[in-house]
Amino acid sequence: NEELQGFGERDYSEKEYDYRSWLSGFRLFLNIESELIVSSDF
């Protein structure tokens, strides 16, 4: 029932953040957890 705890927000540059946020929106990371969690932790 608790909210999942991640690793903490990563420190990305603005350009890197935009790129990774875009990939997360399409679920294109090679990371099984990103199917479920949109946090930048993953």
PDB file of all heavy atoms in Angstrom:
ATOM      1  N   ASN A   1       0.809  -1.224   0.000  1.00  0.00           N
ATOM      2  CA  ASN A   1       0.000   0.000   0.000  1.00  0.00           C
ATOM      3  C   ASN A   1       0.839   1.270   0.000  1.00  0.00           C
ATOM      4  O   ASN A   1       0.315   2.358  -0.233  1.00  0.00           O
ATOM      5  CB  ASN A   1      -0.930   0.019   1.210  1.00  0.00           C
ATOM      6  CG  ASN A   1      -2.126  -0.904   1.027  1.00  0.00           C
ATOM      7  OD1 ASN A   1      -2.747  -0.899  -0.036  1.00  0.00           O
ATOM      8  ND2 ASN A   1      -2.441  -1.702   2.029  1.00  0.00           N
ATOM      9  N   GLU A   2       2.132   1.150   0.252  1.00  0.00           N
ATOM     10  CA  GLU A   2       3.010   2.325   0.255  1.00  0.00           C
ATOM     11  C   GLU A   2       3.370   2.734  -1.170  1.00  0.00           C
ATOM     12  O   GLU A   2       3.301   1.935  -2.107  1.00  0.00           O
ATOM     13  CB  GLU A   2       4.310   2.012   1.007  1.00  0.00           C
ATOM     14  CG  GLU A   2       4.151   1.913   2.514  1.00  0.00           C
ATOM     15  CD  GLU A   2       5.469   1.528   3.179  1.00  0.00           C
ATOM     16  OE1 GLU A   2       6.377   1.060   2.453  1.00  0.00           O
ATOM     17  OE2 GLU A   2       5.578   1.682   4.405  1.00  0.00           O
ATOM     18  N   GLU A   3       3.782   3.994  -1.315  1.00  0.00           N
ATOM     19  CA  GLU A   3       4.352   4.426  -2.587  1.00  0.00           C
ATOM     20  C   GLU A   3       5.751   3.852  -2.711  1.00  0.00           C
ATOM     21  O   GLU A   3       6.491   3.778  -1.728  1.00  0.00           O
ATOM     22  CB  GLU A   3       4.413   5.956  -2.663  1.00  0.00           C
ATOM     23  CG  GLU A   3       3.062   6.604  -2.875  1.00  0.00           C
ATOM     24  CD  GLU A   3       3.207   8.070  -3.225  1.00  0.00           C
ATOM     25  OE1 GLU A   3       4.314   8.487  -3.627  1.00  0.00           O
ATOM     26  OE2 GLU A   3       2.212   8.797  -3.086  1.00  0.00           O
ATOM     27  N   LEU A   4       6.112   3.448  -3.935  1.00  0.00           N
ATOM     28  CA  LEU A   4       7.450   2.884  -4.141  1.00  0.00           C
ATOM     29  C   LEU A   4       8.511   3.952  -3.943  1.00  0.00           C
ATOM     30  O   LEU A   4       8.358   5.103  -4.376  1.00  0.00           O
ATOM     31  CB  LEU A   4       7.561   2.307  -5.555  1.00  0.00           C
ATOM     32  CG  LEU A   4       6.867   0.970  -5.790  1.00  0.00           C
ATOM     33  CD1 LEU A   4       6.972   0.572  -7.253  1.00  0.00           C
ATOM     34  CD2 LEU A   4       7.476  -0.108  -4.919  1.00  0.00           C
ATOM     35  N   GLN A   5       9.584   3.573  -3.305  1.00  0.00           N
ATOM     36  CA  GLN A   5      10.709   4.483  -3.101  1.00  0.00           C
ATOM     37  C   GLN A   5      11.797   4.171  -4.116  1.00  0.00           C
ATOM     38  O   GLN A   5      12.214   3.030  -4.256  1.00  0.00           O
ATOM     39  CB  GLN A   5      11.270   4.321  -1.685  1.00  0.00           C
ATOM     40  CG  GLN A   5      10.263   4.639  -0.593  1.00  0.00           C
ATOM     41  CD  GLN A   5       9.780   6.071  -0.660  1.00  0.00           C
ATOM     42  OE1 GLN A   5      10.568   6.996  -0.818  1.00  0.00           O
ATOM     43  NE2 GLN A   5       8.465   6.260  -0.544  1.00  0.00           N
ATOM     44  N   GLY A   6      12.225   5.207  -4.831  1.00  0.00           N
ATOM     45  CA  GLY A   6      13.274   5.015  -5.830  1.00  0.00           C
ATOM     46  C   GLY A   6      14.647   5.311  -5.264  1.00  0.00           C
ATOM     47  O   GLY A   6      14.876   5.263  -4.060  1.00  0.00           O
ATOM     48  N   PHE A   7      15.544   5.621  -6.181  1.00  0.00           N
ATOM     49  CA  PHE A   7      16.926   5.881  -5.771  1.00  0.00           C
ATOM     50  C   PHE A   7      17.171   7.366  -5.502  1.00  0.00           C
ATOM     51  O   PHE A   7      18.238   7.768  -5.099  1.00  0.00           O
ATOM     52  CB  PHE A   7      17.910   5.447  -6.861  1.00  0.00           C
ATOM     53  CG  PHE A   7      17.596   4.104  -7.439  1.00  0.00           C
ATOM     54  CD1 PHE A   7      17.387   3.950  -8.795  1.00  0.00           C
ATOM     55  CD2 PHE A   7      17.520   2.986  -6.627  1.00  0.00           C
ATOM     56  CE1 PHE A   7      17.105   2.710  -9.324  1.00  0.00           C
ATOM     57  CE2 PHE A   7      17.243   1.749  -7.151  1.00  0.00           C
ATOM     58  CZ  PHE A   7      17.028   1.603  -8.502  1.00  0.00           C
ATOM     59  N   GLY A   8      16.163   8.195  -5.768  1.00  0.00           N
ATOM     60  CA  GLY A   8      16.369   9.631  -5.680  1.00  0.00           C
ATOM     61  C   GLY A   8      16.543  10.215  -7.073  1.00  0.00           C
ATOM     62  O   GLY A   8      16.980   9.543  -7.996  1.00  0.00           O
ATOM     63  N   GLU A   9      16.171  11.457  -7.241  1.00  0.00           N
ATOM     64  CA  GLU A   9      16.240  12.097  -8.548  1.00  0.00           C
ATOM     65  C   GLU A   9      17.686  12.189  -9.037  1.00  0.00           C
ATOM     66  O   GLU A   9      18.592  12.512  -8.275  1.00  0.00           O
ATOM     67  CB  GLU A   9      15.631  13.502  -8.478  1.00  0.00           C
ATOM     68  CG  GLU A   9      14.122  13.507  -8.236  1.00  0.00           C
ATOM     69  CD  GLU A   9      13.338  12.971  -9.413  1.00  0.00           C
ATOM     70  OE1 GLU A   9      13.668  13.313 -10.557  1.00  0.00           O
ATOM     71  OE2 GLU A   9      12.391  12.195  -9.182  1.00  0.00           O
ATOM     72  N   ARG A  10      17.878  11.892 -10.314  1.00  0.00           N
ATOM     73  CA  ARG A  10      19.208  12.031 -10.913  1.00  0.00           C
ATOM     74  C   ARG A  10      19.438  13.478 -11.339  1.00  0.00           C
ATOM     75  O   ARG A  10      18.502  14.205 -11.669  1.00  0.00           O
ATOM     76  CB  ARG A  10      19.318  11.105 -12.136  1.00  0.00           C
ATOM     77  CG  ARG A  10      19.060   9.628 -11.839  1.00  0.00           C
ATOM     78  CD  ARG A  10      20.240   8.989 -11.162  1.00  0.00           C
ATOM     79  NE  ARG A  10      19.985   7.596 -10.839  1.00  0.00           N
ATOM     80  CZ  ARG A  10      20.496   6.583 -11.514  1.00  0.00           C
ATOM     81  NH1 ARG A  10      21.272   6.790 -12.553  1.00  0.00           N
ATOM     82  NH2 ARG A  10      20.232   5.342 -11.131  1.00  0.00           N
ATOM     83  N   ASP A  11      20.699  13.869 -11.364  1.00  0.00           N
ATOM     84  CA  ASP A  11      21.056  15.236 -11.741  1.00  0.00           C
ATOM     85  C   ASP A  11      21.423  15.259 -13.219  1.00  0.00           C
ATOM     86  O   ASP A  11      22.564  14.959 -13.589  1.00  0.00           O
ATOM     87  CB  ASP A  11      22.217  15.739 -10.882  1.00  0.00           C
ATOM     88  CG  ASP A  11      22.540  17.203 -11.153  1.00  0.00           C
ATOM     89  OD1 ASP A  11      21.656  17.898 -11.709  1.00  0.00           O
ATOM     90  OD2 ASP A  11      23.652  17.635 -10.828  1.00  0.00           O
ATOM     91  N   TYR A  12      20.453  15.593 -14.076  1.00  0.00           N
ATOM     92  CA  TYR A  12      20.686  15.638 -15.514  1.00  0.00           C
ATOM     93  C   TYR A  12      20.783  17.084 -15.978  1.00  0.00           C
ATOM     94  O   TYR A  12      20.139  17.981 -15.418  1.00  0.00           O
ATOM     95  CB  TYR A  12      19.540  14.965 -16.271  1.00  0.00           C
ATOM     96  CG  TYR A  12      19.389  13.481 -16.018  1.00  0.00           C
ATOM     97  CD1 TYR A  12      18.219  12.969 -15.461  1.00  0.00           C
ATOM     98  CD2 TYR A  12      20.400  12.589 -16.345  1.00  0.00           C
ATOM     99  CE1 TYR A  12      18.068  11.614 -15.235  1.00  0.00           C
ATOM    100  CE2 TYR A  12      20.251  11.226 -16.120  1.00  0.00           C
ATOM    101  CZ  TYR A  12      19.093  10.750 -15.567  1.00  0.00           C
ATOM    102  OH  TYR A  12      18.948   9.405 -15.345  1.00  0.00           O
ATOM    103  N   SER A  13      21.554  17.298 -17.026  1.00  0.00           N
ATOM    104  CA  SER A  13      21.520  18.601 -17.687  1.00  0.00           C
ATOM    105  C   SER A  13      20.154  18.754 -18.357  1.00  0.00           C
ATOM    106  O   SER A  13      19.422  17.782 -18.544  1.00  0.00           O
ATOM    107  CB  SER A  13      22.625  18.683 -18.746  1.00  0.00           C
ATOM    108  OG  SER A  13      22.355  17.773 -19.804  1.00  0.00           O
ATOM    109  N   GLU A  14      19.821  19.976 -18.716  1.00  0.00           N
ATOM    110  CA  GLU A  14      18.507  20.221 -19.329  1.00  0.00           C
ATOM    111  C   GLU A  14      18.350  19.421 -20.620  1.00  0.00           C
ATOM    112  O   GLU A  14      17.290  18.828 -20.870  1.00  0.00           O
ATOM    113  CB  GLU A  14      18.344  21.712 -19.624  1.00  0.00           C
ATOM    114  CG  GLU A  14      16.980  22.051 -20.215  1.00  0.00           C
ATOM    115  CD  GLU A  14      16.814  23.536 -20.468  1.00  0.00           C
ATOM    116  OE1 GLU A  14      17.696  24.316 -20.048  1.00  0.00           O
ATOM    117  OE2 GLU A  14      15.807  23.919 -21.094  1.00  0.00           O
ATOM    118  N   LYS A  15      19.403  19.371 -21.417  1.00  0.00           N
ATOM    119  CA  LYS A  15      19.349  18.643 -22.686  1.00  0.00           C
ATOM    120  C   LYS A  15      19.185  17.141 -22.447  1.00  0.00           C
ATOM    121  O   LYS A  15      18.379  16.470 -23.104  1.00  0.00           O
ATOM    122  CB  LYS A  15      20.627  18.918 -23.485  1.00  0.00           C
ATOM    123  CG  LYS A  15      20.625  18.337 -24.880  1.00  0.00           C
ATOM    124  CD  LYS A  15      21.873  18.763 -25.636  1.00  0.00           C
ATOM    125  CE  LYS A  15      21.864  18.196 -27.063  1.00  0.00           C
ATOM    126  NZ  LYS A  15      23.089  18.601 -27.801  1.00  0.00           N
ATOM    127  N   GLU A  16      19.957  16.616 -21.486  1.00  0.00           N
ATOM    128  CA  GLU A  16      19.873  15.194 -21.173  1.00  0.00           C
ATOM    129  C   GLU A  16      18.508  14.855 -20.569  1.00  0.00           C
ATOM    130  O   GLU A  16      17.923  13.810 -20.870  1.00  0.00           O
ATOM    131  CB  GLU A  16      20.986  14.810 -20.194  1.00  0.00           C
ATOM    132  CG  GLU A  16      21.025  13.347 -19.801  1.00  0.00           C
ATOM    133  CD  GLU A  16      21.628  12.457 -20.895  1.00  0.00           C
ATOM    134  OE1 GLU A  16      22.069  12.993 -21.920  1.00  0.00           O
ATOM    135  OE2 GLU A  16      21.651  11.237 -20.695  1.00  0.00           O
ATOM    136  N   TYR A  17      18.000  15.743 -19.736  1.00  0.00           N
ATOM    137  CA  TYR A  17      16.698  15.514 -19.118  1.00  0.00           C
ATOM    138  C   TYR A  17      15.602  15.430 -20.184  1.00  0.00           C
ATOM    139  O   TYR A  17      14.739  14.550 -20.130  1.00  0.00           O
ATOM    140  CB  TYR A  17      16.382  16.627 -18.124  1.00  0.00           C
ATOM    141  CG  TYR A  17      15.082  16.422 -17.369  1.00  0.00           C
ATOM    142  CD1 TYR A  17      15.066  15.753 -16.152  1.00  0.00           C
ATOM    143  CD2 TYR A  17      13.874  16.892 -17.893  1.00  0.00           C
ATOM    144  CE1 TYR A  17      13.873  15.533 -15.464  1.00  0.00           C
ATOM    145  CE2 TYR A  17      12.682  16.675 -17.214  1.00  0.00           C
ATOM    146  CZ  TYR A  17      12.691  16.005 -16.006  1.00  0.00           C
ATOM    147  OH  TYR A  17      11.510  15.792 -15.347  1.00  0.00           O
ATOM    148  N   ASP A  18      15.638  16.339 -21.144  1.00  0.00           N
ATOM    149  CA  ASP A  18      14.634  16.342 -22.219  1.00  0.00           C
ATOM    150  C   ASP A  18      14.682  15.038 -23.007  1.00  0.00           C
ATOM    151  O   ASP A  18      13.637  14.455 -23.343  1.00  0.00           O
ATOM    152  CB  ASP A  18      14.856  17.520 -23.158  1.00  0.00           C
ATOM    153  CG  ASP A  18      14.511  18.850 -22.506  1.00  0.00           C
ATOM    154  OD1 ASP A  18      13.825  18.834 -21.462  1.00  0.00           O
ATOM    155  OD2 ASP A  18      14.941  19.897 -23.024  1.00  0.00           O
ATOM    156  N   TYR A  19      15.894  14.585 -23.296  1.00  0.00           N
ATOM    157  CA  TYR A  19      16.060  13.351 -24.066  1.00  0.00           C
ATOM    158  C   TYR A  19      15.508  12.151 -23.295  1.00  0.00           C
ATOM    159  O   TYR A  19      14.713  11.360 -23.817  1.00  0.00           O
ATOM    160  CB  TYR A  19      17.545  13.156 -24.386  1.00  0.00           C
ATOM    161  CG  TYR A  19      17.898  11.804 -24.966  1.00  0.00           C
ATOM    162  CD1 TYR A  19      17.263  11.335 -26.109  1.00  0.00           C
ATOM    163  CD2 TYR A  19      18.880  11.010 -24.379  1.00  0.00           C
ATOM    164  CE1 TYR A  19      17.590  10.092 -26.650  1.00  0.00           C
ATOM    165  CE2 TYR A  19      19.211   9.769 -24.919  1.00  0.00           C
ATOM    166  CZ  TYR A  19      18.568   9.321 -26.050  1.00  0.00           C
ATOM    167  OH  TYR A  19      18.887   8.094 -26.576  1.00  0.00           O
ATOM    168  N   ARG A  20      15.886  12.022 -22.048  1.00  0.00           N
ATOM    169  CA  ARG A  20      15.453  10.865 -21.261  1.00  0.00           C
ATOM    170  C   ARG A  20      13.959  10.925 -20.943  1.00  0.00           C
ATOM    171  O   ARG A  20      13.278   9.892 -20.899  1.00  0.00           O
ATOM    172  CB  ARG A  20      16.293  10.749 -19.991  1.00  0.00           C
ATOM    173  CG  ARG A  20      17.748  10.372 -20.273  1.00  0.00           C
ATOM    174  CD  ARG A  20      18.588  10.234 -19.031  1.00  0.00           C
ATOM    175  NE  ARG A  20      19.952   9.863 -19.370  1.00  0.00           N
ATOM    176  CZ  ARG A  20      20.387   8.617 -19.530  1.00  0.00           C
ATOM    177  NH1 ARG A  20      19.534   7.608 -19.360  1.00  0.00           N
ATOM    178  NH2 ARG A  20      21.628   8.362 -19.847  1.00  0.00           N
ATOM    179  N   SER A  21      13.442  12.105 -20.721  1.00  0.00           N
ATOM    180  CA  SER A  21      12.010  12.257 -20.492  1.00  0.00           C
ATOM    181  C   SER A  21      11.230  11.825 -21.727  1.00  0.00           C
ATOM    182  O   SER A  21      10.181  11.173 -21.629  1.00  0.00           O
ATOM    183  CB  SER A  21      11.693  13.716 -20.143  1.00  0.00           C
ATOM    184  OG  SER A  21      10.303  13.914 -20.042  1.00  0.00           O
ATOM    185  N   TRP A  22      11.729  12.168 -22.885  1.00  0.00           N
ATOM    186  CA  TRP A  22      11.104  11.788 -24.162  1.00  0.00           C
ATOM    187  C   TRP A  22      11.092  10.273 -24.316  1.00  0.00           C
ATOM    188  O   TRP A  22      10.072   9.678 -24.677  1.00  0.00           O
ATOM    189  CB  TRP A  22      11.887  12.455 -25.289  1.00  0.00           C
ATOM    190  CG  TRP A  22      11.353  12.263 -26.667  1.00  0.00           C
ATOM    191  CD1 TRP A  22      10.390  13.000 -27.295  1.00  0.00           C
ATOM    192  CD2 TRP A  22      11.793  11.294 -27.616  1.00  0.00           C
ATOM    193  NE1 TRP A  22      10.194  12.530 -28.568  1.00  0.00           N
ATOM    194  CE2 TRP A  22      11.045  11.480 -28.794  1.00  0.00           C
ATOM    195  CE3 TRP A  22      12.742  10.272 -27.580  1.00  0.00           C
ATOM    196  CZ2 TRP A  22      11.215  10.699 -29.918  1.00  0.00           C
ATOM    197  CZ3 TRP A  22      12.917   9.488 -28.704  1.00  0.00           C
ATOM    198  CH2 TRP A  22      12.173   9.703 -29.852  1.00  0.00           C
ATOM    199  N   LEU A  23      12.207   9.621 -23.995  1.00  0.00           N
ATOM    200  CA  LEU A  23      12.272   8.159 -24.089  1.00  0.00           C
ATOM    201  C   LEU A  23      11.308   7.504 -23.102  1.00  0.00           C
ATOM    202  O   LEU A  23      10.659   6.505 -23.417  1.00  0.00           O
ATOM    203  CB  LEU A  23      13.696   7.667 -23.808  1.00  0.00           C
ATOM    204  CG  LEU A  23      14.780   8.031 -24.817  1.00  0.00           C
ATOM    205  CD1 LEU A  23      16.111   7.452 -24.371  1.00  0.00           C
ATOM    206  CD2 LEU A  23      14.424   7.524 -26.207  1.00  0.00           C
ATOM    207  N   SER A  24      11.215   8.071 -21.899  1.00  0.00           N
ATOM    208  CA  SER A  24      10.330   7.514 -20.893  1.00  0.00           C
ATOM    209  C   SER A  24       8.878   7.570 -21.341  1.00  0.00           C
ATOM    210  O   SER A  24       8.107   6.631 -21.116  1.00  0.00           O
ATOM    211  CB  SER A  24      10.497   8.267 -19.567  1.00  0.00           C
ATOM    212  OG  SER A  24       9.588   7.813 -18.602  1.00  0.00           O
ATOM    213  N   GLY A  25       8.514   8.669 -22.004  1.00  0.00           N
ATOM    214  CA  GLY A  25       7.139   8.818 -22.478  1.00  0.00           C
ATOM    215  C   GLY A  25       6.741   7.735 -23.455  1.00  0.00           C
ATOM    216  O   GLY A  25       5.575   7.305 -23.494  1.00  0.00           O
ATOM    217  N   PHE A  26       7.699   7.270 -24.258  1.00  0.00           N
ATOM    218  CA  PHE A  26       7.430   6.209 -25.234  1.00  0.00           C
ATOM    219  C   PHE A  26       7.790   4.821 -24.699  1.00  0.00           C
ATOM    220  O   PHE A  26       7.659   3.833 -25.417  1.00  0.00           O
ATOM    221  CB  PHE A  26       8.214   6.477 -26.524  1.00  0.00           C
ATOM    222  CG  PHE A  26       7.707   7.641 -27.323  1.00  0.00           C
ATOM    223  CD1 PHE A  26       8.437   8.824 -27.385  1.00  0.00           C
ATOM    224  CD2 PHE A  26       6.507   7.561 -28.003  1.00  0.00           C
ATOM    225  CE1 PHE A  26       7.970   9.908 -28.126  1.00  0.00           C
ATOM    226  CE2 PHE A  26       6.035   8.643 -28.739  1.00  0.00           C
ATOM    227  CZ  PHE A  26       6.767   9.817 -28.801  1.00  0.00           C
ATOM    228  N   ARG A  27       8.275   4.754 -23.468  1.00  0.00           N
ATOM    229  CA  ARG A  27       8.723   3.498 -22.853  1.00  0.00           C
ATOM    230  C   ARG A  27       9.713   2.780 -23.772  1.00  0.00           C
ATOM    231  O   ARG A  27       9.488   1.648 -24.210  1.00  0.00           O
ATOM    232  CB  ARG A  27       7.533   2.594 -22.515  1.00  0.00           C
ATOM    233  CG  ARG A  27       6.706   3.126 -21.382  1.00  0.00           C
ATOM    234  CD  ARG A  27       6.004   2.036 -20.601  1.00  0.00           C
ATOM    235  NE  ARG A  27       4.902   1.443 -21.317  1.00  0.00           N
ATOM    236  CZ  ARG A  27       3.659   1.900 -21.317  1.00  0.00           C
ATOM    237  NH1 ARG A  27       3.376   2.996 -20.655  1.00  0.00           N
ATOM    238  NH2 ARG A  27       2.709   1.288 -21.954  1.00  0.00           N
ATOM    239  N   LEU A  28      10.832   3.454 -24.033  1.00  0.00           N
ATOM    240  CA  LEU A  28      11.843   2.913 -24.944  1.00  0.00           C
ATOM    241  C   LEU A  28      13.157   2.575 -24.248  1.00  0.00           C
ATOM    242  O   LEU A  28      14.131   2.234 -24.912  1.00  0.00           O
ATOM    243  CB  LEU A  28      12.107   3.904 -26.089  1.00  0.00           C
ATOM    244  CG  LEU A  28      11.007   3.994 -27.147  1.00  0.00           C
ATOM    245  CD1 LEU A  28      11.285   5.127 -28.122  1.00  0.00           C
ATOM    246  CD2 LEU A  28      10.866   2.683 -27.906  1.00  0.00           C
ATOM    247  N   PHE A  29      13.213   2.674 -22.919  1.00  0.00           N
ATOM    248  CA  PHE A  29      14.433   2.297 -22.208  1.00  0.00           C
ATOM    249  C   PHE A  29      14.569   0.774 -22.142  1.00  0.00           C
ATOM    250  O   PHE A  29      13.572   0.049 -22.044  1.00  0.00           O
ATOM    251  CB  PHE A  29      14.436   2.853 -20.782  1.00  0.00           C
ATOM    252  CG  PHE A  29      14.769   4.311 -20.689  1.00  0.00           C
ATOM    253  CD1 PHE A  29      13.851   5.212 -20.198  1.00  0.00           C
ATOM    254  CD2 PHE A  29      16.003   4.777 -21.097  1.00  0.00           C
ATOM    255  CE1 PHE A  29      14.145   6.557 -20.111  1.00  0.00           C
ATOM    256  CE2 PHE A  29      16.318   6.125 -21.021  1.00  0.00           C
ATOM    257  CZ  PHE A  29      15.387   7.021 -20.529  1.00  0.00           C
ATOM    258  N   LEU A  30      15.806   0.306 -22.180  1.00  0.00           N
ATOM    259  CA  LEU A  30      16.089  -1.114 -21.981  1.00  0.00           C
ATOM    260  C   LEU A  30      16.188  -1.355 -20.478  1.00  0.00           C
ATOM    261  O   LEU A  30      17.264  -1.533 -19.915  1.00  0.00           O
ATOM    262  CB  LEU A  30      17.381  -1.514 -22.698  1.00  0.00           C
ATOM    263  CG  LEU A  30      17.321  -1.496 -24.220  1.00  0.00           C
ATOM    264  CD1 LEU A  30      18.689  -1.803 -24.811  1.00  0.00           C
ATOM    265  CD2 LEU A  30      16.287  -2.481 -24.742  1.00  0.00           C
ATOM    266  N   ASN A  31      15.039  -1.316 -19.854  1.00  0.00           N
ATOM    267  CA  ASN A  31      14.948  -1.373 -18.410  1.00  0.00           C
ATOM    268  C   ASN A  31      13.552  -1.851 -18.083  1.00  0.00           C
ATOM    269  O   ASN A  31      12.572  -1.157 -18.349  1.00  0.00           O
ATOM    270  CB  ASN A  31      15.219   0.024 -17.844  1.00  0.00           C
ATOM    271  CG  ASN A  31      14.926   0.127 -16.368  1.00  0.00           C
ATOM    272  OD1 ASN A  31      14.702  -0.864 -15.693  1.00  0.00           O
ATOM    273  ND2 ASN A  31      14.899   1.353 -15.869  1.00  0.00           N
ATOM    274  N   ILE A  32      13.432  -3.044 -17.550  1.00  0.00           N
ATOM    275  CA  ILE A  32      12.129  -3.676 -17.366  1.00  0.00           C
ATOM    276  C   ILE A  32      11.236  -2.875 -16.439  1.00  0.00           C
ATOM    277  O   ILE A  32      10.020  -2.815 -16.604  1.00  0.00           O
ATOM    278  CB  ILE A  32      12.306  -5.125 -16.856  1.00  0.00           C
ATOM    279  CG1 ILE A  32      11.080  -5.977 -17.172  1.00  0.00           C
ATOM    280  CG2 ILE A  32      12.653  -5.164 -15.383  1.00  0.00           C
ATOM    281  CD1 ILE A  32      10.997  -6.422 -18.589  1.00  0.00           C
ATOM    282  N   GLU A  33      11.839  -2.192 -15.446  1.00  0.00           N
ATOM    283  CA  GLU A  33      11.040  -1.436 -14.478  1.00  0.00           C
ATOM    284  C   GLU A  33      10.372  -0.218 -15.113  1.00  0.00           C
ATOM    285  O   GLU A  33       9.362   0.272 -14.605  1.00  0.00           O
ATOM    286  CB  GLU A  33      11.898  -0.982 -13.294  1.00  0.00           C
ATOM    287  CG  GLU A  33      12.369  -2.111 -12.391  1.00  0.00           C
ATOM    288  CD  GLU A  33      13.672  -2.735 -12.858  1.00  0.00           C
ATOM    289  OE1 GLU A  33      14.099  -2.445 -13.997  1.00  0.00           O
ATOM    290  OE2 GLU A  33      14.257  -3.511 -12.089  1.00  0.00           O
ATOM    291  N   SER A  34      10.933   0.281 -16.215  1.00  0.00           N
ATOM    292  CA  SER A  34      10.356   1.472 -16.839  1.00  0.00           C
ATOM    293  C   SER A  34       9.006   1.189 -17.480  1.00  0.00           C
ATOM    294  O   SER A  34       8.320   2.114 -17.925  1.00  0.00           O
ATOM    295  CB  SER A  34      11.316   2.058 -17.882  1.00  0.00           C
ATOM    296  OG  SER A  34      11.547   1.141 -18.934  1.00  0.00           O
ATOM    297  N   GLU A  35       8.596  -0.089 -17.536  1.00  0.00           N
ATOM    298  CA  GLU A  35       7.229  -0.399 -17.946  1.00  0.00           C
ATOM    299  C   GLU A  35       6.222   0.184 -16.967  1.00  0.00           C
ATOM    300  O   GLU A  35       5.085   0.473 -17.332  1.00  0.00           O
ATOM    301  CB  GLU A  35       7.022  -1.925 -17.996  1.00  0.00           C
ATOM    302  CG  GLU A  35       7.700  -2.631 -19.136  1.00  0.00           C
ATOM    303  CD  GLU A  35       7.196  -2.152 -20.480  1.00  0.00           C
ATOM    304  OE1 GLU A  35       5.980  -2.181 -20.707  1.00  0.00           O
ATOM    305  OE2 GLU A  35       8.023  -1.732 -21.292  1.00  0.00           O
ATOM    306  N   LEU A  36       6.656   0.354 -15.719  1.00  0.00           N
ATOM    307  CA  LEU A  36       5.722   0.702 -14.657  1.00  0.00           C
ATOM    308  C   LEU A  36       5.994   2.049 -14.023  1.00  0.00           C
ATOM    309  O   LEU A  36       5.079   2.702 -13.537  1.00  0.00           O
ATOM    310  CB  LEU A  36       5.794  -0.362 -13.544  1.00  0.00           C
ATOM    311  CG  LEU A  36       5.653  -1.815 -14.004  1.00  0.00           C
ATOM    312  CD1 LEU A  36       6.004  -2.747 -12.859  1.00  0.00           C
ATOM    313  CD2 LEU A  36       4.245  -2.068 -14.486  1.00  0.00           C
ATOM    314  N   ILE A  37       7.248   2.461 -13.983  1.00  0.00           N
ATOM    315  CA  ILE A  37       7.636   3.629 -13.199  1.00  0.00           C
ATOM    316  C   ILE A  37       8.230   4.686 -14.127  1.00  0.00           C
ATOM    317  O   ILE A  37       9.204   4.434 -14.827  1.00  0.00           O
ATOM    318  CB  ILE A  37       8.671   3.242 -12.118  1.00  0.00           C
ATOM    319  CG1 ILE A  37       8.118   2.095 -11.267  1.00  0.00           C
ATOM    320  CG2 ILE A  37       9.006   4.445 -11.255  1.00  0.00           C
ATOM    321  CD1 ILE A  37       9.122   1.504 -10.323  1.00  0.00           C
ATOM    322  N   VAL A  38       7.628   5.876 -14.133  1.00  0.00           N
ATOM    323  CA  VAL A  38       8.086   6.943 -15.020  1.00  0.00           C
ATOM    324  C   VAL A  38       9.095   7.857 -14.339  1.00  0.00           C
ATOM    325  O   VAL A  38       9.607   8.781 -14.954  1.00  0.00           O
ATOM    326  CB  VAL A  38       6.899   7.782 -15.537  1.00  0.00           C
ATOM    327  CG1 VAL A  38       5.975   6.929 -16.381  1.00  0.00           C
ATOM    328  CG2 VAL A  38       6.133   8.417 -14.381  1.00  0.00           C
ATOM    329  N   SER A  39       9.397   7.610 -13.074  1.00  0.00           N
ATOM    330  CA  SER A  39      10.349   8.439 -12.342  1.00  0.00           C
ATOM    331  C   SER A  39      11.712   8.415 -13.024  1.00  0.00           C
ATOM    332  O   SER A  39      12.130   7.413 -13.601  1.00  0.00           O
ATOM    333  CB  SER A  39      10.481   7.927 -10.908  1.00  0.00           C
ATOM    334  OG  SER A  39      11.605   8.493 -10.280  1.00  0.00           O
ATOM    335  N   SER A  40      12.426   9.536 -12.925  1.00  0.00           N
ATOM    336  CA  SER A  40      13.749   9.625 -13.543  1.00  0.00           C
ATOM    337  C   SER A  40      14.744   8.667 -12.904  1.00  0.00           C
ATOM    338  O   SER A  40      15.827   8.439 -13.446  1.00  0.00           O
ATOM    339  CB  SER A  40      14.279  11.062 -13.469  1.00  0.00           C
ATOM    340  OG  SER A  40      14.439  11.474 -12.127  1.00  0.00           O
ATOM    341  N   ASP A  41      14.396   8.087 -11.754  1.00  0.00           N
ATOM    342  CA  ASP A  41      15.247   7.061 -11.135  1.00  0.00           C
ATOM    343  C   ASP A  41      15.531   5.930 -12.117  1.00  0.00           C
ATOM    344  O   ASP A  41      16.583   5.286 -12.055  1.00  0.00           O
ATOM    345  CB  ASP A  41      14.545   6.422  -9.924  1.00  0.00           C
ATOM    346  CG  ASP A  41      14.227   7.431  -8.840  1.00  0.00           C
ATOM    347  OD1 ASP A  41      14.284   8.631  -9.123  1.00  0.00           O
ATOM    348  OD2 ASP A  41      13.934   7.008  -7.719  1.00  0.00           O
ATOM    349  N   PHE A  42      14.574   5.667 -12.993  1.00  0.00           N
ATOM    350  CA  PHE A  42      14.644   4.490 -13.852  1.00  0.00           C
ATOM    351  C   PHE A  42      14.864   4.859 -15.320  1.00  0.00           C
ATOM    352  O   PHE A  42      14.565   4.072 -16.211  1.00  0.00           O
ATOM    353  CB  PHE A  42      13.357   3.670 -13.694  1.00  0.00           C
ATOM    354  CG  PHE A  42      13.167   3.152 -12.301  1.00  0.00           C
ATOM    355  CD1 PHE A  42      12.450   3.900 -11.368  1.00  0.00           C
ATOM    356  CD2 PHE A  42      13.720   1.955 -11.900  1.00  0.00           C
ATOM    357  CE1 PHE A  42      12.286   3.448 -10.063  1.00  0.00           C
ATOM    358  CE2 PHE A  42      13.557   1.492 -10.599  1.00  0.00           C
ATOM    359  CZ  PHE A  42      12.843   2.243  -9.686  1.00  0.00           C
TER     360      PHE A  42
END
